[in-house]
PDBML (XML) file of the C-alpha atoms, coordinates in Angstrom:
<?xml version="1.0" encoding="UTF-8" ?>
<PDBx:datablock datablockName="MODEL"
   xmlns:PDBx="http://pdbml.pdb.org/schema/pdbx-v50.xsd"
   xmlns:xsi="http://www.w3.org/2001/XMLSchema-instance"
   xsi:schemaLocation="http://pdbml.pdb.org/schema/pdbx-v50.xsd pdbx-v50.xsd">
   <PDBx:atom_siteCategory>
      <PDBx:atom_site id="1">
         <PDBx:B_iso_or_equiv>0.00</PDBx:B_iso_or_equiv>
         <PDBx:Cartn_x>86.551</PDBx:Cartn_x>
         <PDBx:Cartn_y>86.889</PDBx:Cartn_y>
         <PDBx:Cartn_z>195.231</PDBx:Cartn_z>
         <PDBx:auth_asym_id>A</PDBx:auth_asym_id>
         <PDBx:auth_atom_id>CA</PDBx:auth_atom_id>
         <PDBx:auth_comp_id>UNK</PDBx:auth_comp_id>
         <PDBx:auth_seq_id>1</PDBx:auth_seq_id>
         <PDBx:group_PDB>ATOM</PDBx:group_PDB>
         <PDBx:label_alt_id xsi:nil="true" />
         <PDBx:label_asym_id>A</PDBx:label_asym_id>
         <PDBx:label_atom_id>CA</PDBx:label_atom_id>
         <PDBx:label_comp_id>UNK</PDBx:label_comp_id>
         <PDBx:label_entity_id>1</PDBx:label_entity_id>
         <PDBx:label_seq_id>1</PDBx:label_seq_id>
         <PDBx:occupancy>1.00</PDBx:occupancy>
         <PDBx:pdbx_PDB_model_num>1</PDBx:pdbx_PDB_model_num>
         <PDBx:type_symbol>C</PDBx:type_symbol>
      </PDBx:atom_site>
      <PDBx:atom_site id="2">
         <PDBx:B_iso_or_equiv>0.00</PDBx:B_iso_or_equiv>
         <PDBx:Cartn_x>88.410</PDBx:Cartn_x>
         <PDBx:Cartn_y>84.698</PDBx:Cartn_y>
         <PDBx:Cartn_z>192.700</PDBx:Cartn_z>
         <PDBx:auth_asym_id>A</PDBx:auth_asym_id>
         <PDBx:auth_atom_id>CA</PDBx:auth_atom_id>
         <PDBx:auth_comp_id>UNK</PDBx:auth_comp_id>
         <PDBx:auth_seq_id>2</PDBx:auth_seq_id>
         <PDBx:group_PDB>ATOM</PDBx:group_PDB>
         <PDBx:label_alt_id xsi:nil="true" />
         <PDBx:label_asym_id>A</PDBx:label_asym_id>
         <PDBx:label_atom_id>CA</PDBx:label_atom_id>
         <PDBx:label_comp_id>UNK</PDBx:label_comp_id>
         <PDBx:label_entity_id>1</PDBx:label_entity_id>
         <PDBx:label_seq_id>2</PDBx:label_seq_id>
         <PDBx:occupancy>1.00</PDBx:occupancy>
         <PDBx:pdbx_PDB_model_num>1</PDBx:pdbx_PDB_model_num>
         <PDBx:type_symbol>C</PDBx:type_symbol>
      </PDBx:atom_site>
      <PDBx:atom_site id="3">
         <PDBx:B_iso_or_equiv>0.00</PDBx:B_iso_or_equiv>
         <PDBx:Cartn_x>92.139</PDBx:Cartn_x>
         <PDBx:Cartn_y>85.036</PDBx:Cartn_y>
         <PDBx:Cartn_z>193.168</PDBx:Cartn_z>
         <PDBx:auth_asym_id>A</PDBx:auth_asym_id>
         <PDBx:auth_atom_id>CA</PDBx:auth_atom_id>
         <PDBx:auth_comp_id>UNK</PDBx:auth_comp_id>
         <PDBx:auth_seq_id>3</PDBx:auth_seq_id>
         <PDBx:group_PDB>ATOM</PDBx:group_PDB>
         <PDBx:label_alt_id xsi:nil="true" />
         <PDBx:label_asym_id>A</PDBx:label_asym_id>
         <PDBx:label_atom_id>CA</PDBx:label_atom_id>
         <PDBx:label_comp_id>UNK</PDBx:label_comp_id>
         <PDBx:label_entity_id>1</PDBx:label_entity_id>
         <PDBx:label_seq_id>3</PDBx:label_seq_id>
         <PDBx:occupancy>1.00</PDBx:occupancy>
         <PDBx:pdbx_PDB_model_num>1</PDBx:pdbx_PDB_model_num>
         <PDBx:type_symbol>C</PDBx:type_symbol>
      </PDBx:atom_site>
      <PDBx:atom_site id="4">
         <PDBx:B_iso_or_equiv>0.00</PDBx:B_iso_or_equiv>
         <PDBx:Cartn_x>94.516</PDBx:Cartn_x>
         <PDBx:Cartn_y>84.755</PDBx:Cartn_y>
         <PDBx:Cartn_z>190.204</PDBx:Cartn_z>
         <PDBx:auth_asym_id>A</PDBx:auth_asym_id>
         <PDBx:auth_atom_id>CA</PDBx:auth_atom_id>
         <PDBx:auth_comp_id>UNK</PDBx:auth_comp_id>
         <PDBx:auth_seq_id>4</PDBx:auth_seq_id>
         <PDBx:group_PDB>ATOM</PDBx:group_PDB>
         <PDBx:label_alt_id xsi:nil="true" />
         <PDBx:label_asym_id>A</PDBx:label_asym_id>
         <PDBx:label_atom_id>CA</PDBx:label_atom_id>
         <PDBx:label_comp_id>UNK</PDBx:label_comp_id>
         <PDBx:label_entity_id>1</PDBx:label_entity_id>
         <PDBx:label_seq_id>4</PDBx:label_seq_id>
         <PDBx:occupancy>1.00</PDBx:occupancy>
         <PDBx:pdbx_PDB_model_num>1</PDBx:pdbx_PDB_model_num>
         <PDBx:type_symbol>C</PDBx:type_symbol>
      </PDBx:atom_site>
      <PDBx:atom_site id="5">
         <PDBx:B_iso_or_equiv>0.00</PDBx:B_iso_or_equiv>
         <PDBx:Cartn_x>97.415</PDBx:Cartn_x>
         <PDBx:Cartn_y>82.505</PDBx:Cartn_y>
         <PDBx:Cartn_z>191.184</PDBx:Cartn_z>
         <PDBx:auth_asym_id>A</PDBx:auth_asym_id>
         <PDBx:auth_atom_id>CA</PDBx:auth_atom_id>
         <PDBx:auth_comp_id>UNK</PDBx:auth_comp_id>
         <PDBx:auth_seq_id>5</PDBx:auth_seq_id>
         <PDBx:group_PDB>ATOM</PDBx:group_PDB>
         <PDBx:label_alt_id xsi:nil="true" />
         <PDBx:label_asym_id>A</PDBx:label_asym_id>
         <PDBx:label_atom_id>CA</PDBx:label_atom_id>
         <PDBx:label_comp_id>UNK</PDBx:label_comp_id>
         <PDBx:label_entity_id>1</PDBx:label_entity_id>
         <PDBx:label_seq_id>5</PDBx:label_seq_id>
         <PDBx:occupancy>1.00</PDBx:occupancy>
         <PDBx:pdbx_PDB_model_num>1</PDBx:pdbx_PDB_model_num>
         <PDBx:type_symbol>C</PDBx:type_symbol>
      </PDBx:atom_site>
      <PDBx:atom_site id="6">
         <PDBx:B_iso_or_equiv>0.00</PDBx:B_iso_or_equiv>
         <PDBx:Cartn_x>99.078</PDBx:Cartn_x>
         <PDBx:Cartn_y>82.232</PDBx:Cartn_y>
         <PDBx:Cartn_z>187.763</PDBx:Cartn_z>
         <PDBx:auth_asym_id>A</PDBx:auth_asym_id>
         <PDBx:auth_atom_id>CA</PDBx:auth_atom_id>
         <PDBx:auth_comp_id>UNK</PDBx:auth_comp_id>
         <PDBx:auth_seq_id>6</PDBx:auth_seq_id>
         <PDBx:group_PDB>ATOM</PDBx:group_PDB>
         <PDBx:label_alt_id xsi:nil="true" />
         <PDBx:label_asym_id>A</PDBx:label_asym_id>
         <PDBx:label_atom_id>CA</PDBx:label_atom_id>
         <PDBx:label_comp_id>UNK</PDBx:label_comp_id>
         <PDBx:label_entity_id>1</PDBx:label_entity_id>
         <PDBx:label_seq_id>6</PDBx:label_seq_id>
         <PDBx:occupancy>1.00</PDBx:occupancy>
         <PDBx:pdbx_PDB_model_num>1</PDBx:pdbx_PDB_model_num>
         <PDBx:type_symbol>C</PDBx:type_symbol>
      </PDBx:atom_site>
      <PDBx:atom_site id="7">
         <PDBx:B_iso_or_equiv>0.00</PDBx:B_iso_or_equiv>
         <PDBx:Cartn_x>102.106</PDBx:Cartn_x>
         <PDBx:Cartn_y>84.344</PDBx:Cartn_y>
         <PDBx:Cartn_z>188.774</PDBx:Cartn_z>
         <PDBx:auth_asym_id>A</PDBx:auth_asym_id>
         <PDBx:auth_atom_id>CA</PDBx:auth_atom_id>
         <PDBx:auth_comp_id>UNK</PDBx:auth_comp_id>
         <PDBx:auth_seq_id>7</PDBx:auth_seq_id>
         <PDBx:group_PDB>ATOM</PDBx:group_PDB>
         <PDBx:label_alt_id xsi:nil="true" />
         <PDBx:label_asym_id>A</PDBx:label_asym_id>
         <PDBx:label_atom_id>CA</PDBx:label_atom_id>
         <PDBx:label_comp_id>UNK</PDBx:label_comp_id>
         <PDBx:label_entity_id>1</PDBx:label_entity_id>
         <PDBx:label_seq_id>7</PDBx:label_seq_id>
         <PDBx:occupancy>1.00</PDBx:occupancy>
         <PDBx:pdbx_PDB_model_num>1</PDBx:pdbx_PDB_model_num>
         <PDBx:type_symbol>C</PDBx:type_symbol>
      </PDBx:atom_site>
      <PDBx:atom_site id="8">
         <PDBx:B_iso_or_equiv>0.00</PDBx:B_iso_or_equiv>
         <PDBx:Cartn_x>102.435</PDBx:Cartn_x>
         <PDBx:Cartn_y>82.601</PDBx:Cartn_y>
         <PDBx:Cartn_z>192.147</PDBx:Cartn_z>
         <PDBx:auth_asym_id>A</PDBx:auth_asym_id>
         <PDBx:auth_atom_id>CA</PDBx:auth_atom_id>
         <PDBx:auth_comp_id>UNK</PDBx:auth_comp_id>
         <PDBx:auth_seq_id>8</PDBx:auth_seq_id>
         <PDBx:group_PDB>ATOM</PDBx:group_PDB>
         <PDBx:label_alt_id xsi:nil="true" />
         <PDBx:label_asym_id>A</PDBx:label_asym_id>
         <PDBx:label_atom_id>CA</PDBx:label_atom_id>
         <PDBx:label_comp_id>UNK</PDBx:label_comp_id>
         <PDBx:label_entity_id>1</PDBx:label_entity_id>
         <PDBx:label_seq_id>8</PDBx:label_seq_id>
         <PDBx:occupancy>1.00</PDBx:occupancy>
         <PDBx:pdbx_PDB_model_num>1</PDBx:pdbx_PDB_model_num>
         <PDBx:type_symbol>C</PDBx:type_symbol>
      </PDBx:atom_site>
      <PDBx:atom_site id="9">
         <PDBx:B_iso_or_equiv>0.00</PDBx:B_iso_or_equiv>
         <PDBx:Cartn_x>102.588</PDBx:Cartn_x>
         <PDBx:Cartn_y>79.244</PDBx:Cartn_y>
         <PDBx:Cartn_z>190.349</PDBx:Cartn_z>
         <PDBx:auth_asym_id>A</PDBx:auth_asym_id>
         <PDBx:auth_atom_id>CA</PDBx:auth_atom_id>
         <PDBx:auth_comp_id>UNK</PDBx:auth_comp_id>
         <PDBx:auth_seq_id>9</PDBx:auth_seq_id>
         <PDBx:group_PDB>ATOM</PDBx:group_PDB>
         <PDBx:label_alt_id xsi:nil="true" />
         <PDBx:label_asym_id>A</PDBx:label_asym_id>
         <PDBx:label_atom_id>CA</PDBx:label_atom_id>
         <PDBx:label_comp_id>UNK</PDBx:label_comp_id>
         <PDBx:label_entity_id>1</PDBx:label_entity_id>
         <PDBx:label_seq_id>9</PDBx:label_seq_id>
         <PDBx:occupancy>1.00</PDBx:occupancy>
         <PDBx:pdbx_PDB_model_num>1</PDBx:pdbx_PDB_model_num>
         <PDBx:type_symbol>C</PDBx:type_symbol>
      </PDBx:atom_site>
      <PDBx:atom_site id="10">
         <PDBx:B_iso_or_equiv>0.00</PDBx:B_iso_or_equiv>
         <PDBx:Cartn_x>105.445</PDBx:Cartn_x>
         <PDBx:Cartn_y>80.446</PDBx:Cartn_y>
         <PDBx:Cartn_z>188.135</PDBx:Cartn_z>
         <PDBx:auth_asym_id>A</PDBx:auth_asym_id>
         <PDBx:auth_atom_id>CA</PDBx:auth_atom_id>
         <PDBx:auth_comp_id>UNK</PDBx:auth_comp_id>
         <PDBx:auth_seq_id>10</PDBx:auth_seq_id>
         <PDBx:group_PDB>ATOM</PDBx:group_PDB>
         <PDBx:label_alt_id xsi:nil="true" />
         <PDBx:label_asym_id>A</PDBx:label_asym_id>
         <PDBx:label_atom_id>CA</PDBx:label_atom_id>
         <PDBx:label_comp_id>UNK</PDBx:label_comp_id>
         <PDBx:label_entity_id>1</PDBx:label_entity_id>
         <PDBx:label_seq_id>10</PDBx:label_seq_id>
         <PDBx:occupancy>1.00</PDBx:occupancy>
         <PDBx:pdbx_PDB_model_num>1</PDBx:pdbx_PDB_model_num>
         <PDBx:type_symbol>C</PDBx:type_symbol>
      </PDBx:atom_site>
      <PDBx:atom_site id="11">
         <PDBx:B_iso_or_equiv>0.00</PDBx:B_iso_or_equiv>
         <PDBx:Cartn_x>107.440</PDBx:Cartn_x>
         <PDBx:Cartn_y>81.648</PDBx:Cartn_y>
         <PDBx:Cartn_z>191.129</PDBx:Cartn_z>
         <PDBx:auth_asym_id>A</PDBx:auth_asym_id>
         <PDBx:auth_atom_id>CA</PDBx:auth_atom_id>
         <PDBx:auth_comp_id>UNK</PDBx:auth_comp_id>
         <PDBx:auth_seq_id>11</PDBx:auth_seq_id>
         <PDBx:group_PDB>ATOM</PDBx:group_PDB>
         <PDBx:label_alt_id xsi:nil="true" />
         <PDBx:label_asym_id>A</PDBx:label_asym_id>
         <PDBx:label_atom_id>CA</PDBx:label_atom_id>
         <PDBx:label_comp_id>UNK</PDBx:label_comp_id>
         <PDBx:label_entity_id>1</PDBx:label_entity_id>
         <PDBx:label_seq_id>11</PDBx:label_seq_id>
         <PDBx:occupancy>1.00</PDBx:occupancy>
         <PDBx:pdbx_PDB_model_num>1</PDBx:pdbx_PDB_model_num>
         <PDBx:type_symbol>C</PDBx:type_symbol>
      </PDBx:atom_site>
      <PDBx:atom_site id="12">
         <PDBx:B_iso_or_equiv>0.00</PDBx:B_iso_or_equiv>
         <PDBx:Cartn_x>106.732</PDBx:Cartn_x>
         <PDBx:Cartn_y>78.363</PDBx:Cartn_y>
         <PDBx:Cartn_z>192.936</PDBx:Cartn_z>
         <PDBx:auth_asym_id>A</PDBx:auth_asym_id>
         <PDBx:auth_atom_id>CA</PDBx:auth_atom_id>
         <PDBx:auth_comp_id>UNK</PDBx:auth_comp_id>
         <PDBx:auth_seq_id>12</PDBx:auth_seq_id>
         <PDBx:group_PDB>ATOM</PDBx:group_PDB>
         <PDBx:label_alt_id xsi:nil="true" />
         <PDBx:label_asym_id>A</PDBx:label_asym_id>
         <PDBx:label_atom_id>CA</PDBx:label_atom_id>
         <PDBx:label_comp_id>UNK</PDBx:label_comp_id>
         <PDBx:label_entity_id>1</PDBx:label_entity_id>
         <PDBx:label_seq_id>12</PDBx:label_seq_id>
         <PDBx:occupancy>1.00</PDBx:occupancy>
         <PDBx:pdbx_PDB_model_num>1</PDBx:pdbx_PDB_model_num>
         <PDBx:type_symbol>C</PDBx:type_symbol>
      </PDBx:atom_site>
      <PDBx:atom_site id="13">
         <PDBx:B_iso_or_equiv>0.00</PDBx:B_iso_or_equiv>
         <PDBx:Cartn_x>108.389</PDBx:Cartn_x>
         <PDBx:Cartn_y>76.468</PDBx:Cartn_y>
         <PDBx:Cartn_z>190.079</PDBx:Cartn_z>
         <PDBx:auth_asym_id>A</PDBx:auth_asym_id>
         <PDBx:auth_atom_id>CA</PDBx:auth_atom_id>
         <PDBx:auth_comp_id>UNK</PDBx:auth_comp_id>
         <PDBx:auth_seq_id>13</PDBx:auth_seq_id>
         <PDBx:group_PDB>ATOM</PDBx:group_PDB>
         <PDBx:label_alt_id xsi:nil="true" />
         <PDBx:label_asym_id>A</PDBx:label_asym_id>
         <PDBx:label_atom_id>CA</PDBx:label_atom_id>
         <PDBx:label_comp_id>UNK</PDBx:label_comp_id>
         <PDBx:label_entity_id>1</PDBx:label_entity_id>
         <PDBx:label_seq_id>13</PDBx:label_seq_id>
         <PDBx:occupancy>1.00</PDBx:occupancy>
         <PDBx:pdbx_PDB_model_num>1</PDBx:pdbx_PDB_model_num>
         <PDBx:type_symbol>C</PDBx:type_symbol>
      </PDBx:atom_site>
      <PDBx:atom_site id="14">
         <PDBx:B_iso_or_equiv>0.00</PDBx:B_iso_or_equiv>
         <PDBx:Cartn_x>111.288</PDBx:Cartn_x>
         <PDBx:Cartn_y>78.942</PDBx:Cartn_y>
         <PDBx:Cartn_z>190.134</PDBx:Cartn_z>
         <PDBx:auth_asym_id>A</PDBx:auth_asym_id>
         <PDBx:auth_atom_id>CA</PDBx:auth_atom_id>
         <PDBx:auth_comp_id>UNK</PDBx:auth_comp_id>
         <PDBx:auth_seq_id>14</PDBx:auth_seq_id>
         <PDBx:group_PDB>ATOM</PDBx:group_PDB>
         <PDBx:label_alt_id xsi:nil="true" />
         <PDBx:label_asym_id>A</PDBx:label_asym_id>
         <PDBx:label_atom_id>CA</PDBx:label_atom_id>
         <PDBx:label_comp_id>UNK</PDBx:label_comp_id>
         <PDBx:label_entity_id>1</PDBx:label_entity_id>
         <PDBx:label_seq_id>14</PDBx:label_seq_id>
         <PDBx:occupancy>1.00</PDBx:occupancy>
         <PDBx:pdbx_PDB_model_num>1</PDBx:pdbx_PDB_model_num>
         <PDBx:type_symbol>C</PDBx:type_symbol>
      </PDBx:atom_site>
      <PDBx:atom_site id="15">
         <PDBx:B_iso_or_equiv>0.00</PDBx:B_iso_or_equiv>
         <PDBx:Cartn_x>111.702</PDBx:Cartn_x>
         <PDBx:Cartn_y>78.432</PDBx:Cartn_y>
         <PDBx:Cartn_z>193.902</PDBx:Cartn_z>
         <PDBx:auth_asym_id>A</PDBx:auth_asym_id>
         <PDBx:auth_atom_id>CA</PDBx:auth_atom_id>
         <PDBx:auth_comp_id>UNK</PDBx:auth_comp_id>
         <PDBx:auth_seq_id>15</PDBx:auth_seq_id>
         <PDBx:group_PDB>ATOM</PDBx:group_PDB>
         <PDBx:label_alt_id xsi:nil="true" />
         <PDBx:label_asym_id>A</PDBx:label_asym_id>
         <PDBx:label_atom_id>CA</PDBx:label_atom_id>
         <PDBx:label_comp_id>UNK</PDBx:label_comp_id>
         <PDBx:label_entity_id>1</PDBx:label_entity_id>
         <PDBx:label_seq_id>15</PDBx:label_seq_id>
         <PDBx:occupancy>1.00</PDBx:occupancy>
         <PDBx:pdbx_PDB_model_num>1</PDBx:pdbx_PDB_model_num>
         <PDBx:type_symbol>C</PDBx:type_symbol>
      </PDBx:atom_site>
      <PDBx:atom_site id="16">
         <PDBx:B_iso_or_equiv>0.00</PDBx:B_iso_or_equiv>
         <PDBx:Cartn_x>112.051</PDBx:Cartn_x>
         <PDBx:Cartn_y>74.681</PDBx:Cartn_y>
         <PDBx:Cartn_z>193.475</PDBx:Cartn_z>
         <PDBx:auth_asym_id>A</PDBx:auth_asym_id>
         <PDBx:auth_atom_id>CA</PDBx:auth_atom_id>
         <PDBx:auth_comp_id>UNK</PDBx:auth_comp_id>
         <PDBx:auth_seq_id>16</PDBx:auth_seq_id>
         <PDBx:group_PDB>ATOM</PDBx:group_PDB>
         <PDBx:label_alt_id xsi:nil="true" />
         <PDBx:label_asym_id>A</PDBx:label_asym_id>
         <PDBx:label_atom_id>CA</PDBx:label_atom_id>
         <PDBx:label_comp_id>UNK</PDBx:label_comp_id>
         <PDBx:label_entity_id>1</PDBx:label_entity_id>
         <PDBx:label_seq_id>16</PDBx:label_seq_id>
         <PDBx:occupancy>1.00</PDBx:occupancy>
         <PDBx:pdbx_PDB_model_num>1</PDBx:pdbx_PDB_model_num>
         <PDBx:type_symbol>C</PDBx:type_symbol>
      </PDBx:atom_site>
      <PDBx:atom_site id="17">
         <PDBx:B_iso_or_equiv>0.00</PDBx:B_iso_or_equiv>
         <PDBx:Cartn_x>114.358</PDBx:Cartn_x>
         <PDBx:Cartn_y>74.966</PDBx:Cartn_y>
         <PDBx:Cartn_z>190.458</PDBx:Cartn_z>
         <PDBx:auth_asym_id>A</PDBx:auth_asym_id>
         <PDBx:auth_atom_id>CA</PDBx:auth_atom_id>
         <PDBx:auth_comp_id>UNK</PDBx:auth_comp_id>
         <PDBx:auth_seq_id>17</PDBx:auth_seq_id>
         <PDBx:group_PDB>ATOM</PDBx:group_PDB>
         <PDBx:label_alt_id xsi:nil="true" />
         <PDBx:label_asym_id>A</PDBx:label_asym_id>
         <PDBx:label_atom_id>CA</PDBx:label_atom_id>
         <PDBx:label_comp_id>UNK</PDBx:label_comp_id>
         <PDBx:label_entity_id>1</PDBx:label_entity_id>
         <PDBx:label_seq_id>17</PDBx:label_seq_id>
         <PDBx:occupancy>1.00</PDBx:occupancy>
         <PDBx:pdbx_PDB_model_num>1</PDBx:pdbx_PDB_model_num>
         <PDBx:type_symbol>C</PDBx:type_symbol>
      </PDBx:atom_site>
      <PDBx:atom_site id="18">
         <PDBx:B_iso_or_equiv>0.00</PDBx:B_iso_or_equiv>
         <PDBx:Cartn_x>116.745</PDBx:Cartn_x>
         <PDBx:Cartn_y>77.472</PDBx:Cartn_y>
         <PDBx:Cartn_z>192.021</PDBx:Cartn_z>
         <PDBx:auth_asym_id>A</PDBx:auth_asym_id>
         <PDBx:auth_atom_id>CA</PDBx:auth_atom_id>
         <PDBx:auth_comp_id>UNK</PDBx:auth_comp_id>
         <PDBx:auth_seq_id>18</PDBx:auth_seq_id>
         <PDBx:group_PDB>ATOM</PDBx:group_PDB>
         <PDBx:label_alt_id xsi:nil="true" />
         <PDBx:label_asym_id>A</PDBx:label_asym_id>
         <PDBx:label_atom_id>CA</PDBx:label_atom_id>
         <PDBx:label_comp_id>UNK</PDBx:label_comp_id>
         <PDBx:label_entity_id>1</PDBx:label_entity_id>
         <PDBx:label_seq_id>18</PDBx:label_seq_id>
         <PDBx:occupancy>1.00</PDBx:occupancy>
         <PDBx:pdbx_PDB_model_num>1</PDBx:pdbx_PDB_model_num>
         <PDBx:type_symbol>C</PDBx:type_symbol>
      </PDBx:atom_site>
      <PDBx:atom_site id="19">
         <PDBx:B_iso_or_equiv>0.00</PDBx:B_iso_or_equiv>
         <PDBx:Cartn_x>116.629</PDBx:Cartn_x>
         <PDBx:Cartn_y>75.536</PDBx:Cartn_y>
         <PDBx:Cartn_z>195.279</PDBx:Cartn_z>
         <PDBx:auth_asym_id>A</PDBx:auth_asym_id>
         <PDBx:auth_atom_id>CA</PDBx:auth_atom_id>
         <PDBx:auth_comp_id>UNK</PDBx:auth_comp_id>
         <PDBx:auth_seq_id>19</PDBx:auth_seq_id>
         <PDBx:group_PDB>ATOM</PDBx:group_PDB>
         <PDBx:label_alt_id xsi:nil="true" />
         <PDBx:label_asym_id>A</PDBx:label_asym_id>
         <PDBx:label_atom_id>CA</PDBx:label_atom_id>
         <PDBx:label_comp_id>UNK</PDBx:label_comp_id>
         <PDBx:label_entity_id>1</PDBx:label_entity_id>
         <PDBx:label_seq_id>19</PDBx:label_seq_id>
         <PDBx:occupancy>1.00</PDBx:occupancy>
         <PDBx:pdbx_PDB_model_num>1</PDBx:pdbx_PDB_model_num>
         <PDBx:type_symbol>C</PDBx:type_symbol>
      </PDBx:atom_site>
      <PDBx:atom_site id="20">
         <PDBx:B_iso_or_equiv>0.00</PDBx:B_iso_or_equiv>
         <PDBx:Cartn_x>117.917</PDBx:Cartn_x>
         <PDBx:Cartn_y>72.402</PDBx:Cartn_y>
         <PDBx:Cartn_z>193.567</PDBx:Cartn_z>
         <PDBx:auth_asym_id>A</PDBx:auth_asym_id>
         <PDBx:auth_atom_id>CA</PDBx:auth_atom_id>
         <PDBx:auth_comp_id>UNK</PDBx:auth_comp_id>
         <PDBx:auth_seq_id>20</PDBx:auth_seq_id>
         <PDBx:group_PDB>ATOM</PDBx:group_PDB>
         <PDBx:label_alt_id xsi:nil="true" />
         <PDBx:label_asym_id>A</PDBx:label_asym_id>
         <PDBx:label_atom_id>CA</PDBx:label_atom_id>
         <PDBx:label_comp_id>UNK</PDBx:label_comp_id>
         <PDBx:label_entity_id>1</PDBx:label_entity_id>
         <PDBx:label_seq_id>20</PDBx:label_seq_id>
         <PDBx:occupancy>1.00</PDBx:occupancy>
         <PDBx:pdbx_PDB_model_num>1</PDBx:pdbx_PDB_model_num>
         <PDBx:type_symbol>C</PDBx:type_symbol>
      </PDBx:atom_site>
      <PDBx:atom_site id="21">
         <PDBx:B_iso_or_equiv>0.00</PDBx:B_iso_or_equiv>
         <PDBx:Cartn_x>120.557</PDBx:Cartn_x>
         <PDBx:Cartn_y>74.332</PDBx:Cartn_y>
         <PDBx:Cartn_z>191.576</PDBx:Cartn_z>
         <PDBx:auth_asym_id>A</PDBx:auth_asym_id>
         <PDBx:auth_atom_id>CA</PDBx:auth_atom_id>
         <PDBx:auth_comp_id>UNK</PDBx:auth_comp_id>
         <PDBx:auth_seq_id>21</PDBx:auth_seq_id>
         <PDBx:group_PDB>ATOM</PDBx:group_PDB>
         <PDBx:label_alt_id xsi:nil="true" />
         <PDBx:label_asym_id>A</PDBx:label_asym_id>
         <PDBx:label_atom_id>CA</PDBx:label_atom_id>
         <PDBx:label_comp_id>UNK</PDBx:label_comp_id>
         <PDBx:label_entity_id>1</PDBx:label_entity_id>
         <PDBx:label_seq_id>21</PDBx:label_seq_id>
         <PDBx:occupancy>1.00</PDBx:occupancy>
         <PDBx:pdbx_PDB_model_num>1</PDBx:pdbx_PDB_model_num>
         <PDBx:type_symbol>C</PDBx:type_symbol>
      </PDBx:atom_site>
      <PDBx:atom_site id="22">
         <PDBx:B_iso_or_equiv>0.00</PDBx:B_iso_or_equiv>
         <PDBx:Cartn_x>121.802</PDBx:Cartn_x>
         <PDBx:Cartn_y>76.353</PDBx:Cartn_y>
         <PDBx:Cartn_z>194.553</PDBx:Cartn_z>
         <PDBx:auth_asym_id>A</PDBx:auth_asym_id>
         <PDBx:auth_atom_id>CA</PDBx:auth_atom_id>
         <PDBx:auth_comp_id>UNK</PDBx:auth_comp_id>
         <PDBx:auth_seq_id>22</PDBx:auth_seq_id>
         <PDBx:group_PDB>ATOM</PDBx:group_PDB>
         <PDBx:label_alt_id xsi:nil="true" />
         <PDBx:label_asym_id>A</PDBx:label_asym_id>
         <PDBx:label_atom_id>CA</PDBx:label_atom_id>
         <PDBx:label_comp_id>UNK</PDBx:label_comp_id>
         <PDBx:label_entity_id>1</PDBx:label_entity_id>
         <PDBx:label_seq_id>22</PDBx:label_seq_id>
         <PDBx:occupancy>1.00</PDBx:occupancy>
         <PDBx:pdbx_PDB_model_num>1</PDBx:pdbx_PDB_model_num>
         <PDBx:type_symbol>C</PDBx:type_symbol>
      </PDBx:atom_site>
      <PDBx:atom_site id="23">
         <PDBx:B_iso_or_equiv>0.00</PDBx:B_iso_or_equiv>
         <PDBx:Cartn_x>121.922</PDBx:Cartn_x>
         <PDBx:Cartn_y>73.363</PDBx:Cartn_y>
         <PDBx:Cartn_z>196.897</PDBx:Cartn_z>
         <PDBx:auth_asym_id>A</PDBx:auth_asym_id>
         <PDBx:auth_atom_id>CA</PDBx:auth_atom_id>
         <PDBx:auth_comp_id>UNK</PDBx:auth_comp_id>
         <PDBx:auth_seq_id>23</PDBx:auth_seq_id>
         <PDBx:group_PDB>ATOM</PDBx:group_PDB>
         <PDBx:label_alt_id xsi:nil="true" />
         <PDBx:label_asym_id>A</PDBx:label_asym_id>
         <PDBx:label_atom_id>CA</PDBx:label_atom_id>
         <PDBx:label_comp_id>UNK</PDBx:label_comp_id>
         <PDBx:label_entity_id>1</PDBx:label_entity_id>
         <PDBx:label_seq_id>23</PDBx:label_seq_id>
         <PDBx:occupancy>1.00</PDBx:occupancy>
         <PDBx:pdbx_PDB_model_num>1</PDBx:pdbx_PDB_model_num>
         <PDBx:type_symbol>C</PDBx:type_symbol>
      </PDBx:atom_site>
      <PDBx:atom_site id="24">
         <PDBx:B_iso_or_equiv>0.00</PDBx:B_iso_or_equiv>
         <PDBx:Cartn_x>123.558</PDBx:Cartn_x>
         <PDBx:Cartn_y>71.084</PDBx:Cartn_y>
         <PDBx:Cartn_z>194.322</PDBx:Cartn_z>
         <PDBx:auth_asym_id>A</PDBx:auth_asym_id>
         <PDBx:auth_atom_id>CA</PDBx:auth_atom_id>
         <PDBx:auth_comp_id>UNK</PDBx:auth_comp_id>
         <PDBx:auth_seq_id>24</PDBx:auth_seq_id>
         <PDBx:group_PDB>ATOM</PDBx:group_PDB>
         <PDBx:label_alt_id xsi:nil="true" />
         <PDBx:label_asym_id>A</PDBx:label_asym_id>
         <PDBx:label_atom_id>CA</PDBx:label_atom_id>
         <PDBx:label_comp_id>UNK</PDBx:label_comp_id>
         <PDBx:label_entity_id>1</PDBx:label_entity_id>
         <PDBx:label_seq_id>24</PDBx:label_seq_id>
         <PDBx:occupancy>1.00</PDBx:occupancy>
         <PDBx:pdbx_PDB_model_num>1</PDBx:pdbx_PDB_model_num>
         <PDBx:type_symbol>C</PDBx:type_symbol>
      </PDBx:atom_site>
      <PDBx:atom_site id="25">
         <PDBx:B_iso_or_equiv>0.00</PDBx:B_iso_or_equiv>
         <PDBx:Cartn_x>126.363</PDBx:Cartn_x>
         <PDBx:Cartn_y>73.573</PDBx:Cartn_y>
         <PDBx:Cartn_z>193.706</PDBx:Cartn_z>
         <PDBx:auth_asym_id>A</PDBx:auth_asym_id>
         <PDBx:auth_atom_id>CA</PDBx:auth_atom_id>
         <PDBx:auth_comp_id>UNK</PDBx:auth_comp_id>
         <PDBx:auth_seq_id>25</PDBx:auth_seq_id>
         <PDBx:group_PDB>ATOM</PDBx:group_PDB>
         <PDBx:label_alt_id xsi:nil="true" />
         <PDBx:label_asym_id>A</PDBx:label_asym_id>
         <PDBx:label_atom_id>CA</PDBx:label_atom_id>
         <PDBx:label_comp_id>UNK</PDBx:label_comp_id>
         <PDBx:label_entity_id>1</PDBx:label_entity_id>
         <PDBx:label_seq_id>25</PDBx:label_seq_id>
         <PDBx:occupancy>1.00</PDBx:occupancy>
         <PDBx:pdbx_PDB_model_num>1</PDBx:pdbx_PDB_model_num>
         <PDBx:type_symbol>C</PDBx:type_symbol>
      </PDBx:atom_site>
   </PDBx:atom_siteCategory>
</PDBx:datablock>
């Protein structure tokens, strides 16, 4: 079975971005 991780990748980038923003503030 070939899994489609395209949405997971987008949320991974969002996790890192919001992590930096939230922690910086």
